[in-house]
């Protein structure tokens, strides 16, 4: 069995790390409450579209806030927890190739991003 020497982060430490990566957190107490109920690992998946390209740099785009990530997670889950929204979005983008993905905030290699890989193959 593998041994890991890296200590686990608590909720406050995860939020602090996100702040260091450029995420705006207007209400830290509220963010801690939400994150402790949702879990960092579940919510972090929804942060990927807000990351600068490449996503592996772990830096957020300018003016991205915790509320943006939380809203995306809440809306998508509330609308349809078993939705195929990612596949439908991909079909639309393929059907209308003249629509600028950059203007929609999509990174150049969006389909290779782990967030979209998971969403497209769910």
PDB file of N, CA and C in Angstrom:
ATOM      1  N   UNK A   1       0.842  -1.178   0.000  1.00  0.00           N
ATOM      2  CA  UNK A   1       0.000   0.000   0.000  1.00  0.00           C
ATOM      3  C   UNK A   1       0.891   1.248   0.000  1.00  0.00           C
ATOM      4  N   UNK A   2       0.505   2.233  -0.802  1.00  0.00           N
ATOM      5  CA  UNK A   2       1.277   3.471  -0.911  1.00  0.00           C
ATOM      6  C   UNK A   2       1.169   4.299   0.367  1.00  0.00           C
ATOM      7  N   UNK A   3       2.254   4.942   0.722  1.00  0.00           N
ATOM      8  CA  UNK A   3       2.288   5.835   1.880  1.00  0.00           C
ATOM      9  C   UNK A   3       2.304   7.276   1.375  1.00  0.00           C
ATOM     10  N   UNK A   4       1.455   8.109   1.949  1.00  0.00           N
ATOM     11  CA  UNK A   4       1.388   9.511   1.572  1.00  0.00           C
ATOM     12  C   UNK A   4       1.793  10.362   2.767  1.00  0.00           C
ATOM     13  N   UNK A   5       2.761  11.226   2.550  1.00  0.00           N
ATOM     14  CA  UNK A   5       3.252  12.074   3.628  1.00  0.00           C
ATOM     15  C   UNK A   5       2.613  13.454   3.621  1.00  0.00           C
ATOM     16  N   UNK A   6       1.826  13.727   2.612  1.00  0.00           N
ATOM     17  CA  UNK A   6       1.197  15.032   2.484  1.00  0.00           C
ATOM     18  C   UNK A   6      -0.062  15.066   3.362  1.00  0.00           C
ATOM     19  N   UNK A   7      -0.126  16.006   4.316  1.00  0.00           N
ATOM     20  CA  UNK A   7      -1.310  16.039   5.191  1.00  0.00           C
ATOM     21  C   UNK A   7      -2.551  16.527   4.445  1.00  0.00           C
ATOM     22  N   UNK A   8      -3.704  16.030   4.873  1.00  0.00           N
ATOM     23  CA  UNK A   8      -4.967  16.449   4.262  1.00  0.00           C
ATOM     24  C   UNK A   8      -5.289  17.879   4.671  1.00  0.00           C
ATOM     25  N   UNK A   9      -5.906  18.626   3.750  1.00  0.00           N
ATOM     26  CA  UNK A   9      -6.346  19.990   4.032  1.00  0.00           C
ATOM     27  C   UNK A   9      -7.725  19.964   4.670  1.00  0.00           C
ATOM     28  N   UNK A  10      -7.959  20.916   5.561  1.00  0.00           N
ATOM     29  CA  UNK A  10      -9.319  21.114   6.050  1.00  0.00           C
ATOM     30  C   UNK A  10     -10.006  22.125   5.134  1.00  0.00           C
ATOM     31  N   UNK A  11     -11.256  22.405   5.403  1.00  0.00           N
ATOM     32  CA  UNK A  11     -12.036  23.288   4.535  1.00  0.00           C
ATOM     33  C   UNK A  11     -11.400  24.668   4.401  1.00  0.00           C
ATOM     34  N   UNK A  12     -10.990  25.254   5.508  1.00  0.00           N
ATOM     35  CA  UNK A  12     -10.378  26.587   5.475  1.00  0.00           C
ATOM     36  C   UNK A  12      -9.095  26.585   4.645  1.00  0.00           C
ATOM     37  N   UNK A  13      -8.304  25.529   4.752  1.00  0.00           N
ATOM     38  CA  UNK A  13      -7.061  25.454   3.984  1.00  0.00           C
ATOM     39  C   UNK A  13      -7.333  25.321   2.486  1.00  0.00           C
ATOM     40  N   UNK A  14      -8.357  24.566   2.117  1.00  0.00           N
ATOM     41  CA  UNK A  14      -8.722  24.468   0.697  1.00  0.00           C
ATOM     42  C   UNK A  14      -9.128  25.838   0.157  1.00  0.00           C
ATOM     43  N   UNK A  15      -9.930  26.560   0.909  1.00  0.00           N
ATOM     44  CA  UNK A  15     -10.362  27.889   0.464  1.00  0.00           C
ATOM     45  C   UNK A  15      -9.183  28.846   0.377  1.00  0.00           C
ATOM     46  N   UNK A  16      -8.281  28.764   1.340  1.00  0.00           N
ATOM     47  CA  UNK A  16      -7.089  29.617   1.310  1.00  0.00           C
ATOM     48  C   UNK A  16      -6.243  29.310   0.067  1.00  0.00           C
ATOM     49  N   UNK A  17      -6.125  28.033  -0.265  1.00  0.00           N
ATOM     50  CA  UNK A  17      -5.375  27.660  -1.462  1.00  0.00           C
ATOM     51  C   UNK A  17      -6.038  28.221  -2.718  1.00  0.00           C
ATOM     52  N   UNK A  18      -7.367  28.146  -2.787  1.00  0.00           N
ATOM     53  CA  UNK A  18      -8.077  28.727  -3.923  1.00  0.00           C
ATOM     54  C   UNK A  18      -7.852  30.235  -4.000  1.00  0.00           C
ATOM     55  N   UNK A  19      -7.846  30.908  -2.860  1.00  0.00           N
ATOM     56  CA  UNK A  19      -7.577  32.355  -2.862  1.00  0.00           C
ATOM     57  C   UNK A  19      -6.184  32.632  -3.398  1.00  0.00           C
ATOM     58  N   UNK A  20      -5.208  31.850  -2.999  1.00  0.00           N
ATOM     59  CA  UNK A  20      -3.835  32.024  -3.485  1.00  0.00           C
ATOM     60  C   UNK A  20      -3.750  31.806  -4.996  1.00  0.00           C
ATOM     61  N   UNK A  21      -4.686  31.045  -5.525  1.00  0.00           N
ATOM     62  CA  UNK A  21      -4.721  30.781  -6.967  1.00  0.00           C
ATOM     63  C   UNK A  21      -5.587  31.778  -7.719  1.00  0.00           C
ATOM     64  N   UNK A  22      -6.065  32.808  -6.999  1.00  0.00           N
ATOM     65  CA  UNK A  22      -6.775  33.904  -7.651  1.00  0.00           C
ATOM     66  C   UNK A  22      -8.282  33.894  -7.503  1.00  0.00           C
ATOM     67  N   UNK A  23      -8.857  32.959  -6.749  1.00  0.00           N
ATOM     68  CA  UNK A  23     -10.303  32.918  -6.577  1.00  0.00           C
ATOM     69  C   UNK A  23     -10.748  33.978  -5.573  1.00  0.00           C
ATOM     70  N   UNK A  24     -11.790  34.707  -5.920  1.00  0.00           N
ATOM     71  CA  UNK A  24     -12.361  35.693  -5.009  1.00  0.00           C
ATOM     72  C   UNK A  24     -13.370  34.989  -4.107  1.00  0.00           C
ATOM     73  N   UNK A  25     -13.257  35.224  -2.818  1.00  0.00           N
ATOM     74  CA  UNK A  25     -14.184  34.624  -1.854  1.00  0.00           C
ATOM     75  C   UNK A  25     -14.744  35.763  -1.011  1.00  0.00           C
ATOM     76  N   UNK A  26     -15.900  36.311  -1.431  1.00  0.00           N
ATOM     77  CA  UNK A  26     -16.445  37.494  -0.749  1.00  0.00           C
ATOM     78  C   UNK A  26     -16.899  37.236   0.683  1.00  0.00           C
ATOM     79  N   UNK A  27     -17.329  36.030   1.003  1.00  0.00           N
ATOM     80  CA  UNK A  27     -17.812  35.706   2.350  1.00  0.00           C
ATOM     81  C   UNK A  27     -17.196  34.372   2.765  1.00  0.00           C
ATOM     82  N   UNK A  28     -16.100  34.451   3.497  1.00  0.00           N
ATOM     83  CA  UNK A  28     -15.353  33.248   3.863  1.00  0.00           C
ATOM     84  C   UNK A  28     -16.179  32.312   4.752  1.00  0.00           C
ATOM     85  N   UNK A  29     -16.933  32.850   5.683  1.00  0.00           N
ATOM     86  CA  UNK A  29     -17.743  31.997   6.565  1.00  0.00           C
ATOM     87  C   UNK A  29     -18.776  31.197   5.767  1.00  0.00           C
ATOM     88  N   UNK A  30     -19.444  31.875   4.854  1.00  0.00           N
ATOM     89  CA  UNK A  30     -20.444  31.197   4.022  1.00  0.00           C
ATOM     90  C   UNK A  30     -19.778  30.147   3.143  1.00  0.00           C
ATOM     91  N   UNK A  31     -18.636  30.497   2.550  1.00  0.00           N
ATOM     92  CA  UNK A  31     -17.917  29.549   1.695  1.00  0.00           C
ATOM     93  C   UNK A  31     -17.502  28.311   2.497  1.00  0.00           C
ATOM     94  N   UNK A  32     -17.056  28.501   3.723  1.00  0.00           N
ATOM     95  CA  UNK A  32     -16.679  27.358   4.564  1.00  0.00           C
ATOM     96  C   UNK A  32     -17.883  26.467   4.861  1.00  0.00           C
ATOM     97  N   UNK A  33     -19.019  27.078   5.154  1.00  0.00           N
ATOM     98  CA  UNK A  33     -20.236  26.295   5.418  1.00  0.00           C
ATOM     99  C   UNK A  33     -20.627  25.480   4.189  1.00  0.00           C
ATOM    100  N   UNK A  34     -20.656  26.137   3.036  1.00  0.00           N
ATOM    101  CA  UNK A  34     -21.050  25.441   1.816  1.00  0.00           C
ATOM    102  C   UNK A  34     -20.067  24.315   1.488  1.00  0.00           C
ATOM    103  N   UNK A  35     -18.791  24.628   1.568  1.00  0.00           N
ATOM    104  CA  UNK A  35     -17.783  23.638   1.202  1.00  0.00           C
ATOM    105  C   UNK A  35     -17.787  22.457   2.174  1.00  0.00           C
ATOM    106  N   UNK A  36     -18.061  22.705   3.433  1.00  0.00           N
ATOM    107  CA  UNK A  36     -18.093  21.600   4.391  1.00  0.00           C
ATOM    108  C   UNK A  36     -19.286  20.679   4.133  1.00  0.00           C
ATOM    109  N   UNK A  37     -20.355  21.211   3.541  1.00  0.00           N
ATOM    110  CA  UNK A  37     -21.520  20.383   3.208  1.00  0.00           C
ATOM    111  C   UNK A  37     -21.374  19.677   1.866  1.00  0.00           C
ATOM    112  N   UNK A  38     -20.759  20.326   0.902  1.00  0.00           N
ATOM    113  CA  UNK A  38     -20.647  19.770  -0.449  1.00  0.00           C
ATOM    114  C   UNK A  38     -19.415  18.879  -0.575  1.00  0.00           C
ATOM    115  N   UNK A  39     -18.329  19.296  -0.027  1.00  0.00           N
ATOM    116  CA  UNK A  39     -16.989  18.712  -0.049  1.00  0.00           C
ATOM    117  C   UNK A  39     -16.155  19.392  -1.142  1.00  0.00           C
ATOM    118  N   UNK A  40     -14.914  19.583  -0.815  1.00  0.00           N
ATOM    119  CA  UNK A  40     -13.979  20.231  -1.738  1.00  0.00           C
ATOM    120  C   UNK A  40     -13.883  19.451  -3.044  1.00  0.00           C
ATOM    121  N   UNK A  41     -13.779  18.147  -2.946  1.00  0.00           N
ATOM    122  CA  UNK A  41     -13.537  17.345  -4.146  1.00  0.00           C
ATOM    123  C   UNK A  41     -14.737  17.323  -5.087  1.00  0.00           C
ATOM    124  N   UNK A  42     -15.925  17.378  -4.547  1.00  0.00           N
ATOM    125  CA  UNK A  42     -17.106  17.438  -5.405  1.00  0.00           C
ATOM    126  C   UNK A  42     -17.195  18.815  -6.067  1.00  0.00           C
ATOM    127  N   UNK A  43     -16.992  19.880  -5.290  1.00  0.00           N
ATOM    128  CA  UNK A  43     -17.125  21.234  -5.838  1.00  0.00           C
ATOM    129  C   UNK A  43     -15.965  21.601  -6.761  1.00  0.00           C
ATOM    130  N   UNK A  44     -14.776  21.082  -6.480  1.00  0.00           N
ATOM    131  CA  UNK A  44     -13.608  21.462  -7.292  1.00  0.00           C
ATOM    132  C   UNK A  44     -13.769  21.079  -8.755  1.00  0.00           C
ATOM    133  N   UNK A  45     -14.535  20.050  -9.043  1.00  0.00           N
ATOM    134  CA  UNK A  45     -14.796  19.664 -10.436  1.00  0.00           C
ATOM    135  C   UNK A  45     -15.427  20.818 -11.201  1.00  0.00           C
ATOM    136  N   UNK A  46     -16.299  21.561 -10.540  1.00  0.00           N
ATOM    137  CA  UNK A  46     -16.988  22.674 -11.192  1.00  0.00           C
ATOM    138  C   UNK A  46     -16.112  23.920 -11.316  1.00  0.00           C
ATOM    139  N   UNK A  47     -14.949  23.913 -10.693  1.00  0.00           N
ATOM    140  CA  UNK A  47     -14.044  25.058 -10.803  1.00  0.00           C
ATOM    141  C   UNK A  47     -13.215  25.007 -12.081  1.00  0.00           C
ATOM    142  N   UNK A  48     -13.112  23.847 -12.691  1.00  0.00           N
ATOM    143  CA  UNK A  48     -12.223  23.679 -13.841  1.00  0.00           C
ATOM    144  C   UNK A  48     -12.557  24.621 -14.997  1.00  0.00           C
ATOM    145  N   UNK A  49     -13.830  24.838 -15.344  1.00  0.00           N
ATOM    146  CA  UNK A  49     -14.094  25.777 -16.445  1.00  0.00           C
ATOM    147  C   UNK A  49     -13.653  27.212 -16.153  1.00  0.00           C
ATOM    148  N   UNK A  50     -13.422  27.529 -14.899  1.00  0.00           N
ATOM    149  CA  UNK A  50     -13.012  28.883 -14.516  1.00  0.00           C
ATOM    150  C   UNK A  50     -11.503  29.029 -14.399  1.00  0.00           C
ATOM    151  N   UNK A  51     -10.770  27.970 -14.698  1.00  0.00           N
ATOM    152  CA  UNK A  51      -9.313  28.023 -14.612  1.00  0.00           C
ATOM    153  C   UNK A  51      -8.715  28.571 -15.905  1.00  0.00           C
ATOM    154  N   UNK A  52      -7.567  29.197 -15.748  1.00  0.00           N
ATOM    155  CA  UNK A  52      -6.836  29.661 -16.916  1.00  0.00           C
ATOM    156  C   UNK A  52      -6.275  28.441 -17.636  1.00  0.00           C
ATOM    157  N   UNK A  53      -6.131  28.557 -18.927  1.00  0.00           N
ATOM    158  CA  UNK A  53      -5.525  27.460 -19.686  1.00  0.00           C
ATOM    159  C   UNK A  53      -4.012  27.515 -19.523  1.00  0.00           C
ATOM    160  N   UNK A  54      -3.323  26.440 -19.382  1.00  0.00           N
ATOM    161  CA  UNK A  54      -3.868  25.110 -19.179  1.00  0.00           C
ATOM    162  C   UNK A  54      -4.384  24.951 -17.758  1.00  0.00           C
ATOM    163  N   UNK A  55      -5.369  24.107 -17.604  1.00  0.00           N
ATOM    164  CA  UNK A  55      -5.998  23.902 -16.290  1.00  0.00           C
ATOM    165  C   UNK A  55      -5.002  23.390 -15.262  1.00  0.00           C
ATOM    166  N   UNK A  56      -3.939  22.746 -15.720  1.00  0.00           N
ATOM    167  CA  UNK A  56      -2.949  22.217 -14.800  1.00  0.00           C
ATOM    168  C   UNK A  56      -2.179  23.318 -14.069  1.00  0.00           C
ATOM    169  N   UNK A  57      -2.273  24.558 -14.552  1.00  0.00           N
ATOM    170  CA  UNK A  57      -1.589  25.676 -13.897  1.00  0.00           C
ATOM    171  C   UNK A  57      -2.256  26.035 -12.579  1.00  0.00           C
ATOM    172  N   UNK A  58      -3.495  25.597 -12.394  1.00  0.00           N
ATOM    173  CA  UNK A  58      -4.234  25.816 -11.153  1.00  0.00           C
ATOM    174  C   UNK A  58      -4.396  27.295 -10.803  1.00  0.00           C
ATOM    175  N   UNK A  59      -4.574  28.132 -11.798  1.00  0.00           N
ATOM    176  CA  UNK A  59      -4.836  29.551 -11.572  1.00  0.00           C
ATOM    177  C   UNK A  59      -6.212  29.879 -12.125  1.00  0.00           C
ATOM    178  N   UNK A  60      -6.968  30.662 -11.360  1.00  0.00           N
ATOM    179  CA  UNK A  60      -8.305  31.034 -11.801  1.00  0.00           C
ATOM    180  C   UNK A  60      -8.259  32.228 -12.734  1.00  0.00           C
ATOM    181  N   UNK A  61      -9.226  32.302 -13.624  1.00  0.00           N
ATOM    182  CA  UNK A  61      -9.360  33.473 -14.490  1.00  0.00           C
ATOM    183  C   UNK A  61      -9.698  34.677 -13.630  1.00  0.00           C
ATOM    184  N   UNK A  62      -9.349  35.842 -14.111  1.00  0.00           N
ATOM    185  CA  UNK A  62      -9.593  37.089 -13.384  1.00  0.00           C
ATOM    186  C   UNK A  62     -11.071  37.225 -13.039  1.00  0.00           C
ATOM    187  N   UNK A  63     -11.331  37.697 -11.856  1.00  0.00           N
ATOM    188  CA  UNK A  63     -12.679  38.001 -11.358  1.00  0.00           C
ATOM    189  C   UNK A  63     -13.574  36.773 -11.167  1.00  0.00           C
ATOM    190  N   UNK A  64     -13.001  35.595 -11.074  1.00  0.00           N
ATOM    191  CA  UNK A  64     -13.791  34.404 -10.769  1.00  0.00           C
ATOM    192  C   UNK A  64     -13.990  34.337  -9.264  1.00  0.00           C
ATOM    193  N   UNK A  65     -15.223  34.096  -8.859  1.00  0.00           N
ATOM    194  CA  UNK A  65     -15.494  34.030  -7.420  1.00  0.00           C
ATOM    195  C   UNK A  65     -16.021  32.660  -7.024  1.00  0.00           C
ATOM    196  N   UNK A  66     -15.944  32.391  -5.744  1.00  0.00           N
ATOM    197  CA  UNK A  66     -16.501  31.165  -5.187  1.00  0.00           C
ATOM    198  C   UNK A  66     -17.970  31.041  -5.571  1.00  0.00           C
ATOM    199  N   UNK A  67     -18.667  32.166  -5.595  1.00  0.00           N
ATOM    200  CA  UNK A  67     -20.088  32.158  -5.934  1.00  0.00           C
ATOM    201  C   UNK A  67     -20.335  31.645  -7.350  1.00  0.00           C
ATOM    202  N   UNK A  68     -19.419  31.921  -8.283  1.00  0.00           N
ATOM    203  CA  UNK A  68     -19.549  31.413  -9.653  1.00  0.00           C
ATOM    204  C   UNK A  68     -19.514  29.881  -9.663  1.00  0.00           C
ATOM    205  N   UNK A  69     -18.556  29.328  -8.948  1.00  0.00           N
ATOM    206  CA  UNK A  69     -18.395  27.879  -8.910  1.00  0.00           C
ATOM    207  C   UNK A  69     -19.588  27.225  -8.216  1.00  0.00           C
ATOM    208  N   UNK A  70     -19.976  27.806  -7.092  1.00  0.00           N
ATOM    209  CA  UNK A  70     -21.107  27.261  -6.341  1.00  0.00           C
ATOM    210  C   UNK A  70     -22.392  27.343  -7.159  1.00  0.00           C
ATOM    211  N   UNK A  71     -22.596  28.452  -7.859  1.00  0.00           N
ATOM    212  CA  UNK A  71     -23.800  28.612  -8.679  1.00  0.00           C
ATOM    213  C   UNK A  71     -23.845  27.573  -9.797  1.00  0.00           C
ATOM    214  N   UNK A  72     -22.714  27.343 -10.456  1.00  0.00           N
ATOM    215  CA  UNK A  72     -22.668  26.346 -11.524  1.00  0.00           C
ATOM    216  C   UNK A  72     -23.028  24.967 -10.981  1.00  0.00           C
ATOM    217  N   UNK A  73     -22.431  24.585  -9.868  1.00  0.00           N
ATOM    218  CA  UNK A  73     -22.712  23.281  -9.276  1.00  0.00           C
ATOM    219  C   UNK A  73     -24.182  23.166  -8.886  1.00  0.00           C
ATOM    220  N   UNK A  74     -24.703  24.182  -8.254  1.00  0.00           N
ATOM    221  CA  UNK A  74     -26.091  24.152  -7.785  1.00  0.00           C
ATOM    222  C   UNK A  74     -27.070  24.092  -8.953  1.00  0.00           C
ATOM    223  N   UNK A  75     -26.846  24.929  -9.950  1.00  0.00           N
ATOM    224  CA  UNK A  75     -27.746  24.945 -11.098  1.00  0.00           C
ATOM    225  C   UNK A  75     -27.753  23.616 -11.846  1.00  0.00           C
ATOM    226  N   UNK A  76     -26.582  23.103 -12.129  1.00  0.00           N
ATOM    227  CA  UNK A  76     -26.513  21.864 -12.895  1.00  0.00           C
ATOM    228  C   UNK A  76     -27.118  20.700 -12.127  1.00  0.00           C
ATOM    229  N   UNK A  77     -26.871  20.655 -10.839  1.00  0.00           N
ATOM    230  CA  UNK A  77     -27.434  19.565 -10.055  1.00  0.00           C
ATOM    231  C   UNK A  77     -28.941  19.717  -9.887  1.00  0.00           C
ATOM    232  N   UNK A  78     -29.394  20.952  -9.678  1.00  0.00           N
ATOM    233  CA  UNK A  78     -30.818  21.192  -9.474  1.00  0.00           C
ATOM    234  C   UNK A  78     -31.615  20.947 -10.750  1.00  0.00           C
ATOM    235  N   UNK A  79     -31.088  21.425 -11.862  1.00  0.00           N
ATOM    236  CA  UNK A  79     -31.793  21.276 -13.133  1.00  0.00           C
ATOM    237  C   UNK A  79     -31.969  19.809 -13.484  1.00  0.00           C
ATOM    238  N   UNK A  80     -30.891  19.069 -13.393  1.00  0.00           N
ATOM    239  CA  UNK A  80     -30.996  17.661 -13.755  1.00  0.00           C
ATOM    240  C   UNK A  80     -29.763  16.912 -13.280  1.00  0.00           C
ATOM    241  N   UNK A  81     -29.886  16.223 -12.168  1.00  0.00           N
ATOM    242  CA  UNK A  81     -28.717  15.521 -11.632  1.00  0.00           C
ATOM    243  C   UNK A  81     -28.180  14.421 -12.542  1.00  0.00           C
ATOM    244  N   UNK A  82     -28.985  13.913 -13.442  1.00  0.00           N
ATOM    245  CA  UNK A  82     -28.500  12.871 -14.354  1.00  0.00           C
ATOM    246  C   UNK A  82     -28.540  13.347 -15.805  1.00  0.00           C
ATOM    247  N   UNK A  83     -28.332  14.637 -15.994  1.00  0.00           N
ATOM    248  CA  UNK A  83     -28.413  15.251 -17.311  1.00  0.00           C
ATOM    249  C   UNK A  83     -27.230  14.878 -18.208  1.00  0.00           C
ATOM    250  N   UNK A  84     -27.460  14.975 -19.490  1.00  0.00           N
ATOM    251  CA  UNK A  84     -26.404  14.804 -20.491  1.00  0.00           C
ATOM    252  C   UNK A  84     -26.085  16.159 -21.118  1.00  0.00           C
ATOM    253  N   UNK A  85     -26.050  17.192 -20.277  1.00  0.00           N
ATOM    254  CA  UNK A  85     -25.844  18.557 -20.754  1.00  0.00           C
ATOM    255  C   UNK A  85     -24.531  18.721 -21.501  1.00  0.00           C
ATOM    256  N   UNK A  86     -23.485  18.066 -21.044  1.00  0.00           N
ATOM    257  CA  UNK A  86     -22.182  18.244 -21.692  1.00  0.00           C
ATOM    258  C   UNK A  86     -22.197  17.713 -23.121  1.00  0.00           C
ATOM    259  N   UNK A  87     -22.838  16.575 -23.318  1.00  0.00           N
ATOM    260  CA  UNK A  87     -22.938  16.023 -24.666  1.00  0.00           C
ATOM    261  C   UNK A  87     -23.765  16.942 -25.562  1.00  0.00           C
ATOM    262  N   UNK A  88     -24.844  17.482 -25.017  1.00  0.00           N
ATOM    263  CA  UNK A  88     -25.682  18.384 -25.821  1.00  0.00           C
ATOM    264  C   UNK A  88     -24.927  19.669 -26.158  1.00  0.00           C
ATOM    265  N   UNK A  89     -24.164  20.177 -25.209  1.00  0.00           N
ATOM    266  CA  UNK A  89     -23.361  21.372 -25.473  1.00  0.00           C
ATOM    267  C   UNK A  89     -22.334  21.094 -26.563  1.00  0.00           C
ATOM    268  N   UNK A  90     -21.682  19.961 -26.483  1.00  0.00           N
ATOM    269  CA  UNK A  90     -20.696  19.599 -27.502  1.00  0.00           C
ATOM    270  C   UNK A  90     -21.356  19.499 -28.877  1.00  0.00           C
ATOM    271  N   UNK A  91     -22.530  18.896 -28.956  1.00  0.00           N
ATOM    272  CA  UNK A  91     -23.246  18.796 -30.230  1.00  0.00           C
ATOM    273  C   UNK A  91     -23.567  20.174 -30.794  1.00  0.00           C
ATOM    274  N   UNK A  92     -23.981  21.094 -29.936  1.00  0.00           N
ATOM    275  CA  UNK A  92     -24.267  22.453 -30.394  1.00  0.00           C
ATOM    276  C   UNK A  92     -23.016  23.142 -30.919  1.00  0.00           C
ATOM    277  N   UNK A  93     -21.908  22.966 -30.219  1.00  0.00           N
ATOM    278  CA  UNK A  93     -20.659  23.601 -30.659  1.00  0.00           C
ATOM    279  C   UNK A  93     -20.201  23.029 -31.987  1.00  0.00           C
ATOM    280  N   UNK A  94     -20.438  21.745 -32.201  1.00  0.00           N
ATOM    281  CA  UNK A  94     -20.069  21.132 -33.480  1.00  0.00           C
ATOM    282  C   UNK A  94     -21.021  21.566 -34.590  1.00  0.00           C
ATOM    283  N   UNK A  95     -22.279  21.756 -34.250  1.00  0.00           N
ATOM    284  CA  UNK A  95     -23.270  22.166 -35.241  1.00  0.00           C
ATOM    285  C   UNK A  95     -23.039  23.610 -35.694  1.00  0.00           C
ATOM    286  N   UNK A  96     -22.516  24.458 -34.800  1.00  0.00           N
ATOM    287  CA  UNK A  96     -22.297  25.881 -35.095  1.00  0.00           C
ATOM    288  C   UNK A  96     -20.822  26.235 -34.902  1.00  0.00           C
ATOM    289  N   UNK A  97     -19.961  25.748 -35.780  1.00  0.00           N
ATOM    290  CA  UNK A  97     -18.518  25.957 -35.591  1.00  0.00           C
ATOM    291  C   UNK A  97     -18.066  27.415 -35.730  1.00  0.00           C
ATOM    292  N   UNK A  98     -18.908  28.261 -36.304  1.00  0.00           N
ATOM    293  CA  UNK A  98     -18.518  29.671 -36.475  1.00  0.00           C
ATOM    294  C   UNK A  98     -18.689  30.470 -35.184  1.00  0.00           C
ATOM    295  N   UNK A  99     -19.390  29.914 -34.211  1.00  0.00           N
ATOM    296  CA  UNK A  99     -19.538  30.591 -32.920  1.00  0.00           C
ATOM    297  C   UNK A  99     -18.196  30.496 -32.204  1.00  0.00           C
ATOM    298  N   UNK A 100     -17.689  31.621 -31.759  1.00  0.00           N
ATOM    299  CA  UNK A 100     -16.378  31.678 -31.125  1.00  0.00           C
ATOM    300  C   UNK A 100     -16.422  31.078 -29.723  1.00  0.00           C
ATOM    301  N   UNK A 101     -15.704  29.976 -29.548  1.00  0.00           N
ATOM    302  CA  UNK A 101     -15.630  29.361 -28.222  1.00  0.00           C
ATOM    303  C   UNK A 101     -14.863  30.246 -27.257  1.00  0.00           C
ATOM    304  N   UNK A 102     -13.882  30.977 -27.755  1.00  0.00           N
ATOM    305  CA  UNK A 102     -13.120  31.883 -26.896  1.00  0.00           C
ATOM    306  C   UNK A 102     -14.025  32.942 -26.281  1.00  0.00           C
ATOM    307  N   UNK A 103     -14.996  33.435 -27.052  1.00  0.00           N
ATOM    308  CA  UNK A 103     -15.921  34.435 -26.525  1.00  0.00           C
ATOM    309  C   UNK A 103     -16.888  33.832 -25.509  1.00  0.00           C
ATOM    310  N   UNK A 104     -17.031  32.524 -25.538  1.00  0.00           N
ATOM    311  CA  UNK A 104     -17.872  31.840 -24.556  1.00  0.00           C
ATOM    312  C   UNK A 104     -17.062  31.478 -23.309  1.00  0.00           C
ATOM    313  N   UNK A 105     -15.766  31.779 -23.320  1.00  0.00           N
ATOM    314  CA  UNK A 105     -14.914  31.477 -22.175  1.00  0.00           C
ATOM    315  C   UNK A 105     -14.336  30.079 -22.174  1.00  0.00           C
ATOM    316  N   UNK A 106     -14.414  29.391 -23.321  1.00  0.00           N
ATOM    317  CA  UNK A 106     -13.899  28.025 -23.406  1.00  0.00           C
ATOM    318  C   UNK A 106     -12.412  28.056 -23.757  1.00  0.00           C
ATOM    319  N   UNK A 107     -11.591  27.282 -23.047  1.00  0.00           N
ATOM    320  CA  UNK A 107     -10.175  27.214 -23.402  1.00  0.00           C
ATOM    321  C   UNK A 107      -9.987  26.529 -24.756  1.00  0.00           C
ATOM    322  N   UNK A 108      -8.843  26.745 -25.372  1.00  0.00           N
ATOM    323  CA  UNK A 108      -8.561  26.223 -26.707  1.00  0.00           C
ATOM    324  C   UNK A 108      -8.732  24.704 -26.746  1.00  0.00           C
ATOM    325  N   UNK A 109      -8.148  23.994 -25.832  1.00  0.00           N
ATOM    326  CA  UNK A 109      -8.211  22.527 -25.813  1.00  0.00           C
ATOM    327  C   UNK A 109      -9.232  22.039 -24.790  1.00  0.00           C
ATOM    328  N   UNK A 110     -10.401  22.631 -24.806  1.00  0.00           N
ATOM    329  CA  UNK A 110     -11.407  22.352 -23.789  1.00  0.00           C
ATOM    330  C   UNK A 110     -11.784  20.878 -23.719  1.00  0.00           C
ATOM    331  N   UNK A 111     -11.875  20.200 -24.844  1.00  0.00           N
ATOM    332  CA  UNK A 111     -12.333  18.809 -24.854  1.00  0.00           C
ATOM    333  C   UNK A 111     -11.329  17.865 -24.201  1.00  0.00           C
ATOM    334  N   UNK A 112     -10.070  18.266 -24.117  1.00  0.00           N
ATOM    335  CA  UNK A 112      -9.045  17.428 -23.487  1.00  0.00           C
ATOM    336  C   UNK A 112      -8.986  17.647 -21.977  1.00  0.00           C
ATOM    337  N   UNK A 113      -9.665  18.673 -21.487  1.00  0.00           N
ATOM    338  CA  UNK A 113      -9.647  18.995 -20.064  1.00  0.00           C
ATOM    339  C   UNK A 113     -10.341  17.886 -19.271  1.00  0.00           C
ATOM    340  N   UNK A 114      -9.797  17.490 -18.113  1.00  0.00           N
ATOM    341  CA  UNK A 114     -10.421  16.418 -17.324  1.00  0.00           C
ATOM    342  C   UNK A 114     -11.883  16.688 -16.963  1.00  0.00           C
ATOM    343  N   UNK A 115     -12.246  17.947 -16.704  1.00  0.00           N
ATOM    344  CA  UNK A 115     -13.633  18.270 -16.387  1.00  0.00           C
ATOM    345  C   UNK A 115     -14.544  17.839 -17.531  1.00  0.00           C
ATOM    346  N   UNK A 116     -14.175  18.227 -18.758  1.00  0.00           N
ATOM    347  CA  UNK A 116     -15.011  17.911 -19.906  1.00  0.00           C
ATOM    348  C   UNK A 116     -14.922  16.441 -20.264  1.00  0.00           C
ATOM    349  N   UNK A 117     -13.774  15.823 -20.071  1.00  0.00           N
ATOM    350  CA  UNK A 117     -13.665  14.386 -20.322  1.00  0.00           C
ATOM    351  C   UNK A 117     -14.647  13.618 -19.441  1.00  0.00           C
ATOM    352  N   UNK A 118     -14.685  13.985 -18.166  1.00  0.00           N
ATOM    353  CA  UNK A 118     -15.631  13.340 -17.251  1.00  0.00           C
ATOM    354  C   UNK A 118     -17.074  13.630 -17.646  1.00  0.00           C
ATOM    355  N   UNK A 119     -17.352  14.886 -17.953  1.00  0.00           N
ATOM    356  CA  UNK A 119     -18.724  15.280 -18.274  1.00  0.00           C
ATOM    357  C   UNK A 119     -19.215  14.662 -19.578  1.00  0.00           C
ATOM    358  N   UNK A 120     -18.336  14.572 -20.556  1.00  0.00           N
ATOM    359  CA  UNK A 120     -18.739  14.038 -21.851  1.00  0.00           C
ATOM    360  C   UNK A 120     -18.900  12.516 -21.839  1.00  0.00           C
ATOM    361  N   UNK A 121     -18.260  11.874 -20.897  1.00  0.00           N
ATOM    362  CA  UNK A 121     -18.321  10.409 -20.851  1.00  0.00           C
ATOM    363  C   UNK A 121     -19.134   9.900 -19.670  1.00  0.00           C
ATOM    364  N   UNK A 122     -19.908  10.792 -19.058  1.00  0.00           N
ATOM    365  CA  UNK A 122     -20.720  10.390 -17.900  1.00  0.00           C
ATOM    366  C   UNK A 122     -21.945   9.616 -18.350  1.00  0.00           C
TER     367      UNK A 122
END
